[in-house]
Amino acid sequence: MAAIAVGSGLSCRVTIRGMRRLVWGVLGLAVMALVCVGVTKAAPAWERFRNPERFRGIDVLNSVHTPRGWLDAEPAPDQDQYYPANSGEPPFKVPYKRWERRYLASEVSLARSFEIYDAAARAAGWQPYVCQINAGLLPTQRHECWKRPNFVLTADFQSTDESCNPRTQNCGTTIDVELAERSVE
């Protein structure tokens, strides 16, 4: 009888020890998952802290709130490009910082895309001004500019289908926006 009692107590301890290991293993995995999620969520904040110049311009671009239904999708973070002053090779060195973003409005005409973006830019405090590069554009293109203190916003609107007549059809539009940190008169 004594041997049975000792044996069952031993198997009970082994079972309890195994359950403790299982609980500690699951708890360890949960902590590791929590740390991984925390690092993933902190990465964008770290990038913003590490490179504030890049995000300063992106925040200005984000201040132009365009209607969600106008665009196919919200721009992905990697669609935003930042170019520090004097980056690039001569003769393409630009003496000011600039940011670029591309939008696609596949179901909206060139004229309507301009109206929507112009209204959003004006609502965000941008004032239109005459662009220097407006001559020689095709009917499927439009180049517009806005200004505000220390910044210039230029947008190139282009129909996505060259055979489409943007005056009579919804051709779809590609919009390339450039934000430059410079002043204009």
N, C-alpha and C. Protein backbone atom coordinates (compact mmCIF):
# COMPACT_ATOMS: atom_id res chain seq x y z
N MET A 1 0.80 -1.19 0.00
CA MET A 1 0.00 0.00 0.00
C MET A 1 0.85 1.26 0.00
N ALA A 2 1.91 1.24 0.78
CA ALA A 2 2.76 2.41 0.88
C ALA A 2 3.42 2.73 -0.45
N ALA A 3 3.74 1.72 -1.20
CA ALA A 3 4.39 1.93 -2.48
C ALA A 3 3.44 2.59 -3.47
N ILE A 4 2.19 2.25 -3.40
CA ILE A 4 1.20 2.85 -4.28
C ILE A 4 0.99 4.31 -3.93
N ALA A 5 0.96 4.62 -2.66
CA ALA A 5 0.75 6.00 -2.23
C ALA A 5 1.92 6.87 -2.63
N VAL A 6 3.16 6.35 -2.51
CA VAL A 6 4.33 7.11 -2.90
C VAL A 6 4.34 7.30 -4.41
N GLY A 7 4.02 6.31 -5.12
CA GLY A 7 4.01 6.40 -6.58
C GLY A 7 2.98 7.39 -7.10
N SER A 8 1.80 7.39 -6.52
CA SER A 8 0.77 8.32 -6.98
C SER A 8 1.12 9.75 -6.62
N GLY A 9 1.78 9.95 -5.47
CA GLY A 9 2.22 11.29 -5.09
C GLY A 9 3.28 11.80 -6.05
N LEU A 10 4.15 10.92 -6.50
CA LEU A 10 5.19 11.29 -7.44
C LEU A 10 4.58 11.67 -8.80
N SER A 11 3.61 10.88 -9.25
CA SER A 11 2.99 11.21 -10.53
C SER A 11 2.20 12.51 -10.42
N CYS A 12 1.66 12.79 -9.27
CA CYS A 12 0.94 14.05 -9.07
C CYS A 12 1.90 15.24 -9.13
N ARG A 13 3.07 15.08 -8.50
CA ARG A 13 4.08 16.15 -8.55
C ARG A 13 4.58 16.36 -9.98
N VAL A 14 4.77 15.29 -10.70
CA VAL A 14 5.22 15.38 -12.08
C VAL A 14 4.16 16.09 -12.93
N THR A 15 2.91 15.78 -12.69
CA THR A 15 1.81 16.42 -13.42
C THR A 15 1.75 17.91 -13.10
N ILE A 16 1.89 18.24 -11.82
CA ILE A 16 1.86 19.66 -11.42
C ILE A 16 3.05 20.39 -12.02
N ARG A 17 4.23 19.77 -11.98
CA ARG A 17 5.42 20.37 -12.55
C ARG A 17 5.24 20.60 -14.06
N GLY A 18 4.66 19.63 -14.74
CA GLY A 18 4.40 19.75 -16.17
C GLY A 18 3.40 20.88 -16.47
N MET A 19 2.39 21.00 -15.63
CA MET A 19 1.41 22.08 -15.82
C MET A 19 2.05 23.45 -15.57
N ARG A 20 2.92 23.53 -14.56
CA ARG A 20 3.62 24.79 -14.31
C ARG A 20 4.48 25.18 -15.52
N ARG A 21 5.19 24.21 -16.07
CA ARG A 21 6.01 24.49 -17.26
C ARG A 21 5.14 24.96 -18.42
N LEU A 22 4.00 24.31 -18.58
CA LEU A 22 3.09 24.70 -19.65
C LEU A 22 2.58 26.13 -19.45
N VAL A 23 2.18 26.45 -18.21
CA VAL A 23 1.69 27.79 -17.92
C VAL A 23 2.79 28.82 -18.15
N TRP A 24 4.01 28.55 -17.67
CA TRP A 24 5.11 29.49 -17.87
C TRP A 24 5.48 29.62 -19.34
N GLY A 25 5.38 28.52 -20.09
CA GLY A 25 5.66 28.57 -21.53
C GLY A 25 4.64 29.42 -22.27
N VAL A 26 3.36 29.23 -21.96
CA VAL A 26 2.30 30.03 -22.58
C VAL A 26 2.45 31.50 -22.18
N LEU A 27 2.73 31.74 -20.91
CA LEU A 27 2.92 33.11 -20.44
C LEU A 27 4.12 33.76 -21.14
N GLY A 28 5.19 33.01 -21.32
CA GLY A 28 6.37 33.53 -22.04
C GLY A 28 6.05 33.87 -23.47
N LEU A 29 5.28 33.00 -24.15
CA LEU A 29 4.88 33.28 -25.53
C LEU A 29 3.98 34.53 -25.61
N ALA A 30 3.09 34.67 -24.64
CA ALA A 30 2.22 35.85 -24.62
C ALA A 30 3.03 37.12 -24.42
N VAL A 31 4.02 37.08 -23.54
CA VAL A 31 4.88 38.26 -23.33
C VAL A 31 5.68 38.56 -24.59
N MET A 32 6.20 37.54 -25.26
CA MET A 32 6.95 37.76 -26.50
C MET A 32 6.05 38.37 -27.58
N ALA A 33 4.82 37.87 -27.69
CA ALA A 33 3.88 38.43 -28.67
C ALA A 33 3.57 39.88 -28.35
N LEU A 34 3.38 40.17 -27.07
CA LEU A 34 3.10 41.55 -26.65
C LEU A 34 4.27 42.47 -26.98
N VAL A 35 5.49 42.00 -26.76
CA VAL A 35 6.68 42.80 -27.08
C VAL A 35 6.77 43.03 -28.59
N CYS A 36 6.51 41.99 -29.38
CA CYS A 36 6.57 42.13 -30.85
C CYS A 36 5.54 43.14 -31.35
N VAL A 37 4.33 43.07 -30.83
CA VAL A 37 3.29 44.03 -31.23
C VAL A 37 3.68 45.44 -30.80
N GLY A 38 4.24 45.58 -29.61
CA GLY A 38 4.68 46.89 -29.14
C GLY A 38 5.76 47.48 -30.01
N VAL A 39 6.72 46.67 -30.42
CA VAL A 39 7.80 47.14 -31.29
C VAL A 39 7.25 47.54 -32.64
N THR A 40 6.31 46.75 -33.16
CA THR A 40 5.71 47.06 -34.46
C THR A 40 4.94 48.38 -34.41
N LYS A 41 4.23 48.61 -33.34
CA LYS A 41 3.47 49.86 -33.20
C LYS A 41 4.39 51.05 -32.93
N ALA A 42 5.51 50.82 -32.28
CA ALA A 42 6.43 51.91 -31.95
C ALA A 42 7.32 52.29 -33.11
N ALA A 43 7.47 51.42 -34.10
CA ALA A 43 8.37 51.70 -35.23
C ALA A 43 8.00 52.98 -35.97
N PRO A 44 6.72 53.21 -36.34
CA PRO A 44 6.41 54.48 -37.01
C PRO A 44 6.69 55.70 -36.13
N ALA A 45 6.41 55.59 -34.84
CA ALA A 45 6.70 56.71 -33.95
C ALA A 45 8.20 56.95 -33.87
N TRP A 46 8.99 55.89 -33.85
CA TRP A 46 10.44 56.03 -33.82
C TRP A 46 10.93 56.67 -35.11
N GLU A 47 10.37 56.26 -36.25
CA GLU A 47 10.76 56.84 -37.54
C GLU A 47 10.42 58.33 -37.57
N ARG A 48 9.26 58.71 -37.04
CA ARG A 48 8.87 60.11 -36.98
C ARG A 48 9.84 60.89 -36.09
N PHE A 49 10.26 60.30 -34.98
CA PHE A 49 11.20 60.95 -34.07
C PHE A 49 12.58 61.05 -34.71
N ARG A 50 13.00 59.98 -35.40
CA ARG A 50 14.34 59.93 -35.99
C ARG A 50 14.47 60.85 -37.20
N ASN A 51 13.40 61.04 -37.96
CA ASN A 51 13.46 61.82 -39.19
C ASN A 51 12.31 62.83 -39.23
N PRO A 52 12.32 63.83 -38.34
CA PRO A 52 11.19 64.76 -38.27
C PRO A 52 11.02 65.62 -39.53
N GLU A 53 12.08 65.89 -40.26
CA GLU A 53 11.97 66.72 -41.47
C GLU A 53 11.08 66.06 -42.50
N ARG A 54 11.24 64.76 -42.68
CA ARG A 54 10.42 64.03 -43.66
C ARG A 54 8.94 64.15 -43.31
N PHE A 55 8.61 64.00 -42.05
CA PHE A 55 7.21 63.99 -41.64
C PHE A 55 6.62 65.39 -41.53
N ARG A 56 7.45 66.40 -41.40
CA ARG A 56 6.93 67.77 -41.36
C ARG A 56 6.21 68.10 -42.67
N GLY A 57 6.83 67.76 -43.78
CA GLY A 57 6.20 67.99 -45.08
C GLY A 57 5.02 67.08 -45.33
N ILE A 58 5.12 65.84 -44.87
CA ILE A 58 4.00 64.91 -45.04
C ILE A 58 2.79 65.40 -44.26
N ASP A 59 3.02 65.96 -43.09
CA ASP A 59 1.90 66.52 -42.32
C ASP A 59 1.25 67.68 -43.06
N VAL A 60 2.06 68.50 -43.74
CA VAL A 60 1.50 69.60 -44.52
C VAL A 60 0.68 69.05 -45.69
N LEU A 61 1.20 68.01 -46.36
CA LEU A 61 0.43 67.39 -47.44
C LEU A 61 -0.87 66.78 -46.92
N ASN A 62 -0.82 66.19 -45.74
CA ASN A 62 -2.02 65.58 -45.16
C ASN A 62 -3.05 66.61 -44.75
N SER A 63 -2.65 67.87 -44.61
CA SER A 63 -3.61 68.91 -44.23
C SER A 63 -4.60 69.22 -45.35
N VAL A 64 -4.28 68.81 -46.58
CA VAL A 64 -5.21 68.97 -47.70
C VAL A 64 -6.10 67.73 -47.69
N HIS A 65 -7.27 67.87 -47.05
CA HIS A 65 -8.19 66.73 -46.89
C HIS A 65 -9.03 66.57 -48.15
N THR A 66 -8.78 65.51 -48.88
CA THR A 66 -9.56 65.22 -50.08
C THR A 66 -10.61 64.17 -49.73
N PRO A 67 -11.75 64.22 -50.38
CA PRO A 67 -12.80 63.23 -50.08
C PRO A 67 -12.33 61.81 -50.36
N ARG A 68 -12.70 60.88 -49.50
CA ARG A 68 -12.25 59.49 -49.65
C ARG A 68 -12.77 58.86 -50.93
N GLY A 69 -13.97 59.14 -51.35
CA GLY A 69 -14.53 58.52 -52.54
C GLY A 69 -13.86 58.97 -53.83
N TRP A 70 -13.11 60.06 -53.77
CA TRP A 70 -12.46 60.60 -54.96
C TRP A 70 -11.29 59.74 -55.39
N LEU A 71 -10.56 59.22 -54.43
CA LEU A 71 -9.35 58.45 -54.73
C LEU A 71 -9.63 56.96 -54.64
N ASP A 72 -8.81 56.17 -55.34
CA ASP A 72 -8.95 54.71 -55.26
C ASP A 72 -8.62 54.21 -53.86
N ALA A 73 -7.61 54.78 -53.25
CA ALA A 73 -7.19 54.36 -51.91
C ALA A 73 -6.40 55.49 -51.28
N GLU A 74 -6.30 55.43 -49.96
CA GLU A 74 -5.46 56.39 -49.26
C GLU A 74 -4.01 56.13 -49.67
N PRO A 75 -3.19 57.18 -49.77
CA PRO A 75 -1.80 56.94 -50.16
C PRO A 75 -1.07 56.13 -49.08
N ALA A 76 -0.28 55.20 -49.52
CA ALA A 76 0.53 54.41 -48.59
C ALA A 76 1.71 55.26 -48.13
N PRO A 77 2.25 55.00 -46.95
CA PRO A 77 3.38 55.80 -46.47
C PRO A 77 4.58 55.78 -47.41
N ASP A 78 4.79 54.69 -48.13
CA ASP A 78 5.93 54.64 -49.02
C ASP A 78 5.68 55.38 -50.34
N GLN A 79 4.47 55.90 -50.54
CA GLN A 79 4.21 56.71 -51.73
C GLN A 79 4.71 58.14 -51.53
N ASP A 80 4.98 58.51 -50.30
CA ASP A 80 5.50 59.83 -50.01
C ASP A 80 7.01 59.81 -50.14
N GLN A 81 7.55 60.76 -50.90
CA GLN A 81 9.00 60.86 -51.07
C GLN A 81 9.47 62.18 -50.49
N TYR A 82 10.63 62.15 -49.85
CA TYR A 82 11.23 63.36 -49.27
C TYR A 82 12.60 63.55 -49.89
N TYR A 83 12.87 64.76 -50.35
CA TYR A 83 14.16 65.10 -50.95
C TYR A 83 14.74 66.29 -50.19
N PRO A 84 15.83 66.09 -49.45
CA PRO A 84 16.46 67.21 -48.74
C PRO A 84 17.00 68.25 -49.72
N ALA A 85 17.25 69.44 -49.22
CA ALA A 85 17.81 70.50 -50.07
C ALA A 85 19.13 70.04 -50.66
N ASN A 86 19.34 70.41 -51.93
CA ASN A 86 20.56 70.10 -52.67
C ASN A 86 20.81 68.61 -52.85
N SER A 87 19.76 67.81 -52.81
CA SER A 87 19.93 66.39 -53.10
C SER A 87 19.88 66.20 -54.61
N GLY A 88 20.41 65.12 -55.10
CA GLY A 88 20.44 64.87 -56.53
C GLY A 88 21.77 65.28 -57.11
N GLU A 89 21.93 64.99 -58.37
CA GLU A 89 23.17 65.30 -59.07
C GLU A 89 22.99 66.55 -59.92
N PRO A 90 24.06 67.36 -60.11
CA PRO A 90 23.95 68.53 -60.98
C PRO A 90 23.53 68.09 -62.37
N PRO A 91 22.75 68.78 -63.09
CA PRO A 91 22.17 70.10 -62.82
C PRO A 91 20.84 70.03 -62.09
N PHE A 92 20.52 68.89 -61.45
CA PHE A 92 19.21 68.72 -60.83
C PHE A 92 19.21 69.03 -59.34
N LYS A 93 20.24 69.65 -58.83
CA LYS A 93 20.25 70.02 -57.41
C LYS A 93 19.26 71.15 -57.19
N VAL A 94 18.38 70.94 -56.23
CA VAL A 94 17.35 71.93 -55.92
C VAL A 94 17.69 72.53 -54.56
N PRO A 95 17.72 73.85 -54.45
CA PRO A 95 18.18 74.46 -53.20
C PRO A 95 17.13 74.50 -52.09
N TYR A 96 16.05 73.73 -52.19
CA TYR A 96 15.03 73.73 -51.16
C TYR A 96 14.55 72.29 -50.92
N LYS A 97 13.95 72.07 -49.76
CA LYS A 97 13.41 70.76 -49.43
C LYS A 97 12.10 70.57 -50.17
N ARG A 98 11.84 69.33 -50.57
CA ARG A 98 10.58 69.08 -51.25
C ARG A 98 10.08 67.67 -50.93
N TRP A 99 8.76 67.54 -51.01
CA TRP A 99 8.09 66.28 -50.75
C TRP A 99 7.19 65.98 -51.95
N GLU A 100 7.04 64.72 -52.30
CA GLU A 100 6.19 64.35 -53.43
C GLU A 100 5.21 63.26 -53.01
N ARG A 101 4.03 63.30 -53.61
CA ARG A 101 3.00 62.28 -53.37
C ARG A 101 2.24 62.07 -54.67
N ARG A 102 1.84 60.85 -54.93
CA ARG A 102 1.07 60.53 -56.13
C ARG A 102 -0.30 59.99 -55.72
N TYR A 103 -1.34 60.49 -56.39
CA TYR A 103 -2.70 60.02 -56.20
C TYR A 103 -3.21 59.45 -57.52
N LEU A 104 -4.19 58.57 -57.44
CA LEU A 104 -4.85 58.06 -58.64
C LEU A 104 -6.36 58.13 -58.41
N ALA A 105 -7.04 58.84 -59.28
CA ALA A 105 -8.50 58.92 -59.25
C ALA A 105 -8.99 58.30 -60.56
N SER A 106 -9.16 57.00 -60.56
CA SER A 106 -9.39 56.29 -61.83
C SER A 106 -10.77 56.51 -62.42
N GLU A 107 -11.72 56.95 -61.62
CA GLU A 107 -13.09 57.12 -62.12
C GLU A 107 -13.49 58.58 -62.26
N VAL A 108 -12.55 59.49 -62.12
CA VAL A 108 -12.89 60.91 -62.08
C VAL A 108 -12.14 61.64 -63.19
N SER A 109 -12.83 62.56 -63.84
CA SER A 109 -12.24 63.29 -64.96
C SER A 109 -11.16 64.25 -64.48
N LEU A 110 -10.38 64.72 -65.43
CA LEU A 110 -9.31 65.68 -65.16
C LEU A 110 -9.88 66.96 -64.55
N ALA A 111 -10.91 67.51 -65.16
CA ALA A 111 -11.49 68.78 -64.67
C ALA A 111 -12.08 68.60 -63.28
N ARG A 112 -12.79 67.50 -63.06
CA ARG A 112 -13.42 67.27 -61.75
C ARG A 112 -12.34 67.02 -60.69
N SER A 113 -11.28 66.31 -61.04
CA SER A 113 -10.19 66.08 -60.09
C SER A 113 -9.55 67.40 -59.67
N PHE A 114 -9.36 68.30 -60.64
CA PHE A 114 -8.82 69.61 -60.29
C PHE A 114 -9.77 70.35 -59.36
N GLU A 115 -11.06 70.34 -59.66
CA GLU A 115 -12.03 71.05 -58.80
C GLU A 115 -11.99 70.52 -57.37
N ILE A 116 -11.93 69.20 -57.23
CA ILE A 116 -11.91 68.59 -55.89
C ILE A 116 -10.64 68.96 -55.15
N TYR A 117 -9.48 68.84 -55.80
CA TYR A 117 -8.22 69.13 -55.13
C TYR A 117 -8.09 70.62 -54.84
N ASP A 118 -8.52 71.46 -55.76
CA ASP A 118 -8.47 72.90 -55.56
C ASP A 118 -9.33 73.31 -54.36
N ALA A 119 -10.53 72.76 -54.25
CA ALA A 119 -11.40 73.07 -53.12
C ALA A 119 -10.77 72.61 -51.80
N ALA A 120 -10.16 71.43 -51.79
CA ALA A 120 -9.52 70.92 -50.58
C ALA A 120 -8.31 71.77 -50.20
N ALA A 121 -7.52 72.19 -51.19
CA ALA A 121 -6.34 73.02 -50.91
C ALA A 121 -6.77 74.39 -50.36
N ARG A 122 -7.77 74.99 -50.97
CA ARG A 122 -8.24 76.30 -50.47
C ARG A 122 -8.82 76.18 -49.07
N ALA A 123 -9.53 75.10 -48.79
CA ALA A 123 -10.09 74.89 -47.45
C ALA A 123 -8.98 74.72 -46.41
N ALA A 124 -7.81 74.23 -46.84
CA ALA A 124 -6.68 74.05 -45.93
C ALA A 124 -5.82 75.32 -45.82
N GLY A 125 -6.24 76.40 -46.46
CA GLY A 125 -5.52 77.67 -46.33
C GLY A 125 -4.54 77.97 -47.44
N TRP A 126 -4.54 77.21 -48.52
CA TRP A 126 -3.65 77.47 -49.64
C TRP A 126 -4.30 78.48 -50.57
N GLN A 127 -3.47 79.39 -51.12
CA GLN A 127 -3.95 80.40 -52.07
C GLN A 127 -3.40 80.08 -53.45
N PRO A 128 -4.25 80.09 -54.48
CA PRO A 128 -3.74 79.80 -55.82
C PRO A 128 -2.81 80.90 -56.30
N TYR A 129 -1.84 80.52 -57.09
CA TYR A 129 -1.00 81.51 -57.76
C TYR A 129 -0.59 80.96 -59.12
N VAL A 130 -0.13 81.84 -59.99
CA VAL A 130 0.18 81.47 -61.37
C VAL A 130 1.48 80.67 -61.40
N CYS A 131 1.41 79.48 -61.98
CA CYS A 131 2.59 78.62 -62.11
C CYS A 131 3.50 79.14 -63.22
N GLN A 132 4.77 78.85 -63.09
CA GLN A 132 5.72 79.25 -64.13
C GLN A 132 5.66 78.31 -65.32
N ILE A 133 5.26 77.06 -65.10
CA ILE A 133 5.29 76.06 -66.18
C ILE A 133 3.85 75.75 -66.60
N ASN A 134 3.21 76.64 -67.31
CA ASN A 134 1.85 76.37 -67.75
C ASN A 134 1.72 76.37 -69.26
N ALA A 135 2.77 76.67 -69.96
CA ALA A 135 2.70 76.72 -71.43
C ALA A 135 2.98 75.35 -72.01
N GLY A 136 2.38 75.07 -73.13
CA GLY A 136 2.66 73.85 -73.87
C GLY A 136 2.05 72.59 -73.30
N LEU A 137 1.04 72.71 -72.48
CA LEU A 137 0.41 71.51 -71.93
C LEU A 137 -0.61 70.96 -72.92
N LEU A 138 -0.74 69.65 -72.95
CA LEU A 138 -1.73 68.99 -73.80
C LEU A 138 -3.12 69.12 -73.17
N PRO A 139 -4.18 68.87 -73.94
CA PRO A 139 -5.52 68.90 -73.34
C PRO A 139 -5.72 67.86 -72.24
N THR A 140 -4.87 66.82 -72.21
CA THR A 140 -4.98 65.79 -71.19
C THR A 140 -4.12 66.10 -69.96
N GLN A 141 -3.59 67.34 -69.87
CA GLN A 141 -2.73 67.71 -68.75
C GLN A 141 -3.19 69.04 -68.16
N ARG A 142 -2.86 69.21 -66.87
CA ARG A 142 -3.11 70.50 -66.22
C ARG A 142 -2.08 70.64 -65.11
N HIS A 143 -1.50 71.82 -64.98
CA HIS A 143 -0.48 72.10 -63.98
C HIS A 143 -0.97 73.30 -63.16
N GLU A 144 -1.13 73.11 -61.85
CA GLU A 144 -1.65 74.18 -61.00
C GLU A 144 -0.78 74.35 -59.77
N CYS A 145 -0.80 75.57 -59.21
CA CYS A 145 0.04 75.89 -58.05
C CYS A 145 -0.77 76.64 -56.99
N TRP A 146 -0.37 76.44 -55.74
CA TRP A 146 -0.93 77.15 -54.59
C TRP A 146 0.24 77.56 -53.71
N LYS A 147 0.04 78.56 -52.89
CA LYS A 147 1.11 79.01 -51.99
C LYS A 147 0.54 79.28 -50.61
N ARG A 148 1.45 79.27 -49.65
CA ARG A 148 1.18 79.70 -48.28
C ARG A 148 2.54 80.05 -47.70
N PRO A 149 2.62 80.72 -46.59
CA PRO A 149 3.94 81.16 -46.10
C PRO A 149 4.94 80.00 -46.02
N ASN A 150 6.05 80.19 -46.68
CA ASN A 150 7.20 79.27 -46.71
C ASN A 150 6.98 77.99 -47.49
N PHE A 151 5.85 77.83 -48.17
CA PHE A 151 5.61 76.61 -48.93
C PHE A 151 4.95 76.91 -50.26
N VAL A 152 5.25 76.06 -51.25
CA VAL A 152 4.59 76.09 -52.55
C VAL A 152 4.09 74.67 -52.82
N LEU A 153 2.85 74.58 -53.26
CA LEU A 153 2.24 73.31 -53.59
C LEU A 153 1.94 73.30 -55.08
N THR A 154 2.50 72.35 -55.80
CA THR A 154 2.21 72.24 -57.23
C THR A 154 1.59 70.87 -57.48
N ALA A 155 0.66 70.83 -58.42
CA ALA A 155 0.00 69.57 -58.76
C ALA A 155 -0.06 69.43 -60.27
N ASP A 156 0.37 68.30 -60.75
CA ASP A 156 0.27 67.95 -62.16
C ASP A 156 -0.86 66.94 -62.31
N PHE A 157 -1.89 67.34 -63.02
CA PHE A 157 -3.04 66.48 -63.29
C PHE A 157 -2.88 65.95 -64.71
N GLN A 158 -3.04 64.64 -64.88
CA GLN A 158 -2.92 64.07 -66.21
C GLN A 158 -3.92 62.93 -66.36
N SER A 159 -4.63 62.93 -67.51
CA SER A 159 -5.55 61.84 -67.79
C SER A 159 -4.78 60.55 -67.92
N THR A 160 -5.34 59.49 -67.37
CA THR A 160 -4.65 58.19 -67.42
C THR A 160 -4.81 57.52 -68.77
N ASP A 161 -5.78 57.94 -69.57
CA ASP A 161 -6.01 57.35 -70.89
C ASP A 161 -5.80 58.43 -71.94
N GLU A 162 -4.75 58.31 -72.72
CA GLU A 162 -4.41 59.33 -73.72
C GLU A 162 -5.46 59.44 -74.83
N SER A 163 -6.17 58.34 -75.13
CA SER A 163 -7.17 58.37 -76.20
C SER A 163 -8.50 58.95 -75.73
N CYS A 164 -8.63 59.22 -74.47
CA CYS A 164 -9.87 59.71 -73.90
C CYS A 164 -9.92 61.23 -73.99
N ASN A 165 -11.09 61.78 -74.27
CA ASN A 165 -11.26 63.23 -74.30
C ASN A 165 -11.70 63.69 -72.91
N PRO A 166 -10.81 64.35 -72.14
CA PRO A 166 -11.13 64.70 -70.76
C PRO A 166 -12.24 65.74 -70.64
N ARG A 167 -12.58 66.42 -71.75
CA ARG A 167 -13.65 67.42 -71.68
C ARG A 167 -15.03 66.77 -71.72
N THR A 168 -15.10 65.56 -72.28
CA THR A 168 -16.41 64.92 -72.45
C THR A 168 -16.54 63.58 -71.75
N GLN A 169 -15.44 63.02 -71.24
CA GLN A 169 -15.48 61.69 -70.63
C GLN A 169 -14.77 61.70 -69.28
N ASN A 170 -15.13 60.74 -68.42
CA ASN A 170 -14.38 60.51 -67.18
C ASN A 170 -13.23 59.57 -67.50
N CYS A 171 -12.07 60.14 -67.71
CA CYS A 171 -10.91 59.37 -68.18
C CYS A 171 -10.10 58.78 -67.04
N GLY A 172 -10.29 59.26 -65.87
CA GLY A 172 -9.40 58.88 -64.78
C GLY A 172 -8.20 59.82 -64.78
N THR A 173 -7.66 60.10 -63.61
CA THR A 173 -6.62 61.11 -63.49
C THR A 173 -5.53 60.64 -62.55
N THR A 174 -4.29 60.90 -62.94
CA THR A 174 -3.14 60.73 -62.07
C THR A 174 -2.75 62.13 -61.59
N ILE A 175 -2.55 62.28 -60.29
CA ILE A 175 -2.20 63.59 -59.74
C ILE A 175 -0.86 63.45 -59.02
N ASP A 176 0.15 64.16 -59.49
CA ASP A 176 1.45 64.19 -58.85
C ASP A 176 1.57 65.52 -58.12
N VAL A 177 1.69 65.46 -56.81
CA VAL A 177 1.74 66.66 -55.98
C VAL A 177 3.15 66.84 -55.45
N GLU A 178 3.66 68.06 -55.54
CA GLU A 178 4.98 68.38 -54.98
C GLU A 178 4.81 69.54 -54.01
N LEU A 179 5.35 69.37 -52.82
CA LEU A 179 5.38 70.42 -51.82
C LEU A 179 6.82 70.88 -51.70
N ALA A 180 7.06 72.17 -51.87
CA ALA A 180 8.42 72.72 -51.79
C ALA A 180 8.48 73.73 -50.65
N GLU A 181 9.53 73.65 -49.87
CA GLU A 181 9.70 74.62 -48.79
C GLU A 181 10.47 75.82 -49.34
N ARG A 182 9.70 76.76 -49.83
CA ARG A 182 10.26 78.01 -50.36
C ARG A 182 9.16 79.03 -50.44
N SER A 183 9.51 80.27 -50.56
CA SER A 183 8.52 81.34 -50.63
C SER A 183 8.42 81.86 -52.05
N VAL A 184 7.25 82.32 -52.40
CA VAL A 184 7.03 82.97 -53.70
C VAL A 184 6.34 84.31 -53.43
N GLU A 185 6.51 85.22 -54.33
CA GLU A 185 5.91 86.54 -54.15
C GLU A 185 4.48 86.50 -54.58
